[in-house]
Amino acid sequence: MSNKEILEQAMALKPEERLMIVEGLLKSLDEPDHKIDEIWAEEAEARLKAYREGRLEGIPIEEVFKDQ
């Protein structure tokens, strides 16, 4: 079944049923991915180490949020 066919069938459902599908899909996207979390933790540690060793320069928070 193609994505288009799935969407067409979903659109034919009652609003309450469509809401259940939408909620289920959104929930599936919010599930943590432990591998990605691990990669980001390693990256954060590497950046902090580089900053502490003077190999990475920080940006003042005022500059980060200016023009926001």
N, C-alpha and C. Protein backbone atom coordinates (compact mmCIF):
# COMPACT_ATOMS: atom_id res chain seq x y z
N MET A 1 0.85 -1.17 0.00
CA MET A 1 0.00 0.00 0.00
C MET A 1 0.90 1.24 0.00
N SER A 2 0.61 2.20 -0.83
CA SER A 2 1.43 3.41 -0.93
C SER A 2 1.08 4.40 0.16
N ASN A 3 1.96 5.36 0.38
CA ASN A 3 1.70 6.42 1.36
C ASN A 3 0.42 7.18 1.01
N LYS A 4 0.21 7.41 -0.27
CA LYS A 4 -0.98 8.14 -0.72
C LYS A 4 -2.25 7.36 -0.36
N GLU A 5 -2.19 6.05 -0.56
CA GLU A 5 -3.36 5.22 -0.24
C GLU A 5 -3.62 5.20 1.26
N ILE A 6 -2.57 5.14 2.03
CA ILE A 6 -2.72 5.16 3.49
C ILE A 6 -3.36 6.47 3.92
N LEU A 7 -2.88 7.58 3.37
CA LEU A 7 -3.44 8.88 3.70
C LEU A 7 -4.90 8.97 3.30
N GLU A 8 -5.24 8.49 2.12
CA GLU A 8 -6.63 8.53 1.66
C GLU A 8 -7.54 7.73 2.59
N GLN A 9 -7.07 6.56 3.02
CA GLN A 9 -7.87 5.75 3.93
C GLN A 9 -7.99 6.43 5.29
N ALA A 10 -6.91 7.04 5.74
CA ALA A 10 -6.96 7.74 7.03
C ALA A 10 -7.93 8.91 6.98
N MET A 11 -7.96 9.63 5.87
CA MET A 11 -8.84 10.79 5.74
C MET A 11 -10.31 10.38 5.71
N ALA A 12 -10.58 9.13 5.39
CA ALA A 12 -11.96 8.65 5.35
C ALA A 12 -12.48 8.27 6.75
N LEU A 13 -11.60 8.25 7.72
CA LEU A 13 -11.99 7.88 9.08
C LEU A 13 -12.72 9.02 9.77
N LYS A 14 -13.40 8.67 10.86
CA LYS A 14 -14.05 9.68 11.69
C LYS A 14 -12.97 10.54 12.36
N PRO A 15 -13.29 11.77 12.72
CA PRO A 15 -12.29 12.64 13.34
C PRO A 15 -11.61 12.01 14.57
N GLU A 16 -12.38 11.32 15.40
CA GLU A 16 -11.80 10.69 16.60
C GLU A 16 -10.77 9.63 16.21
N GLU A 17 -11.08 8.89 15.16
CA GLU A 17 -10.15 7.84 14.70
C GLU A 17 -8.90 8.46 14.10
N ARG A 18 -9.06 9.54 13.36
CA ARG A 18 -7.89 10.23 12.79
C ARG A 18 -7.00 10.77 13.90
N LEU A 19 -7.64 11.30 14.95
CA LEU A 19 -6.88 11.82 16.09
C LEU A 19 -6.05 10.72 16.74
N MET A 20 -6.64 9.54 16.88
CA MET A 20 -5.89 8.41 17.45
C MET A 20 -4.66 8.08 16.61
N ILE A 21 -4.82 8.12 15.29
CA ILE A 21 -3.69 7.83 14.40
C ILE A 21 -2.62 8.90 14.52
N VAL A 22 -3.04 10.16 14.52
CA VAL A 22 -2.09 11.27 14.63
C VAL A 22 -1.33 11.18 15.95
N GLU A 23 -2.04 10.95 17.04
CA GLU A 23 -1.39 10.84 18.34
C GLU A 23 -0.39 9.68 18.37
N GLY A 24 -0.78 8.56 17.78
CA GLY A 24 0.12 7.42 17.73
C GLY A 24 1.38 7.71 16.93
N LEU A 25 1.22 8.38 15.79
CA LEU A 25 2.38 8.73 14.97
C LEU A 25 3.30 9.71 15.68
N LEU A 26 2.71 10.73 16.30
CA LEU A 26 3.52 11.71 17.03
C LEU A 26 4.26 11.06 18.20
N LYS A 27 3.58 10.18 18.90
CA LYS A 27 4.22 9.49 20.02
C LYS A 27 5.40 8.65 19.53
N SER A 28 5.25 8.03 18.37
CA SER A 28 6.34 7.21 17.85
C SER A 28 7.57 8.05 17.50
N LEU A 29 7.36 9.31 17.16
CA LEU A 29 8.48 10.20 16.85
C LEU A 29 9.17 10.71 18.10
N ASP A 30 8.46 10.71 19.23
CA ASP A 30 9.01 11.23 20.47
C ASP A 30 9.78 10.18 21.27
N GLU A 31 9.77 8.95 20.83
CA GLU A 31 10.47 7.91 21.57
C GLU A 31 11.97 8.18 21.52
N PRO A 32 12.63 8.05 22.67
CA PRO A 32 14.07 8.32 22.70
C PRO A 32 14.85 7.31 21.86
N ASP A 33 15.86 7.81 21.22
CA ASP A 33 16.77 6.95 20.47
C ASP A 33 18.09 6.94 21.26
N HIS A 34 18.34 5.86 21.95
CA HIS A 34 19.48 5.80 22.86
C HIS A 34 20.81 5.93 22.12
N LYS A 35 20.88 5.47 20.89
CA LYS A 35 22.12 5.59 20.12
C LYS A 35 22.41 7.06 19.82
N ILE A 36 21.38 7.81 19.41
CA ILE A 36 21.55 9.24 19.14
C ILE A 36 21.91 9.97 20.43
N ASP A 37 21.25 9.64 21.53
CA ASP A 37 21.57 10.25 22.82
C ASP A 37 23.03 10.00 23.19
N GLU A 38 23.51 8.80 22.94
CA GLU A 38 24.90 8.46 23.25
C GLU A 38 25.86 9.27 22.39
N ILE A 39 25.55 9.40 21.11
CA ILE A 39 26.40 10.18 20.20
C ILE A 39 26.47 11.63 20.64
N TRP A 40 25.30 12.21 21.00
CA TRP A 40 25.29 13.61 21.46
C TRP A 40 26.04 13.78 22.77
N ALA A 41 25.94 12.83 23.67
CA ALA A 41 26.67 12.91 24.95
C ALA A 41 28.18 12.91 24.69
N GLU A 42 28.63 12.04 23.79
CA GLU A 42 30.05 12.00 23.44
C GLU A 42 30.49 13.32 22.81
N GLU A 43 29.66 13.88 21.93
CA GLU A 43 29.98 15.15 21.29
C GLU A 43 30.06 16.27 22.32
N ALA A 44 29.10 16.31 23.24
CA ALA A 44 29.09 17.34 24.28
C ALA A 44 30.34 17.24 25.15
N GLU A 45 30.71 16.03 25.52
CA GLU A 45 31.92 15.84 26.32
C GLU A 45 33.17 16.29 25.56
N ALA A 46 33.24 15.97 24.28
CA ALA A 46 34.39 16.38 23.46
C ALA A 46 34.46 17.90 23.35
N ARG A 47 33.32 18.55 23.17
CA ARG A 47 33.31 20.01 23.07
C ARG A 47 33.71 20.66 24.39
N LEU A 48 33.20 20.13 25.50
CA LEU A 48 33.55 20.68 26.80
C LEU A 48 35.05 20.53 27.06
N LYS A 49 35.59 19.38 26.73
CA LYS A 49 37.03 19.14 26.90
C LYS A 49 37.84 20.12 26.04
N ALA A 50 37.41 20.30 24.78
CA ALA A 50 38.11 21.23 23.89
C ALA A 50 38.03 22.65 24.43
N TYR A 51 36.89 23.04 24.97
CA TYR A 51 36.73 24.38 25.54
C TYR A 51 37.66 24.56 26.74
N ARG A 52 37.68 23.58 27.62
CA ARG A 52 38.52 23.68 28.81
C ARG A 52 40.01 23.69 28.48
N GLU A 53 40.37 23.04 27.38
CA GLU A 53 41.77 23.01 26.95
C GLU A 53 42.14 24.22 26.09
N GLY A 54 41.17 25.09 25.82
CA GLY A 54 41.43 26.29 25.04
C GLY A 54 41.44 26.06 23.53
N ARG A 55 40.99 24.91 23.09
CA ARG A 55 40.94 24.61 21.65
C ARG A 55 39.62 25.03 21.02
N LEU A 56 38.69 25.45 21.85
CA LEU A 56 37.36 25.85 21.38
C LEU A 56 36.97 27.12 22.11
N GLU A 57 36.52 28.11 21.36
CA GLU A 57 36.16 29.39 21.95
C GLU A 57 34.66 29.45 22.22
N GLY A 58 34.30 30.02 23.35
CA GLY A 58 32.89 30.18 23.69
C GLY A 58 32.30 31.42 23.04
N ILE A 59 30.97 31.48 23.01
CA ILE A 59 30.24 32.63 22.48
C ILE A 59 29.40 33.20 23.62
N PRO A 60 29.52 34.50 23.90
CA PRO A 60 28.71 35.09 24.98
C PRO A 60 27.22 34.91 24.69
N ILE A 61 26.46 34.65 25.74
CA ILE A 61 25.02 34.38 25.59
C ILE A 61 24.29 35.55 24.94
N GLU A 62 24.77 36.77 25.23
CA GLU A 62 24.13 37.95 24.63
C GLU A 62 24.25 37.90 23.11
N GLU A 63 25.37 37.41 22.62
CA GLU A 63 25.56 37.30 21.17
C GLU A 63 24.69 36.20 20.58
N VAL A 64 24.56 35.11 21.32
CA VAL A 64 23.76 33.98 20.84
C VAL A 64 22.30 34.41 20.63
N PHE A 65 21.79 35.20 21.57
CA PHE A 65 20.37 35.55 21.54
C PHE A 65 20.08 36.94 20.97
N LYS A 66 21.09 37.64 20.45
CA LYS A 66 20.79 38.96 19.87
C LYS A 66 19.96 38.78 18.59
N ASP A 67 19.18 39.75 18.29
CA ASP A 67 18.29 39.73 17.10
C ASP A 67 17.25 38.63 17.17
N GLN A 68 16.90 38.19 18.35
CA GLN A 68 15.89 37.14 18.49
C GLN A 68 14.56 37.72 18.85
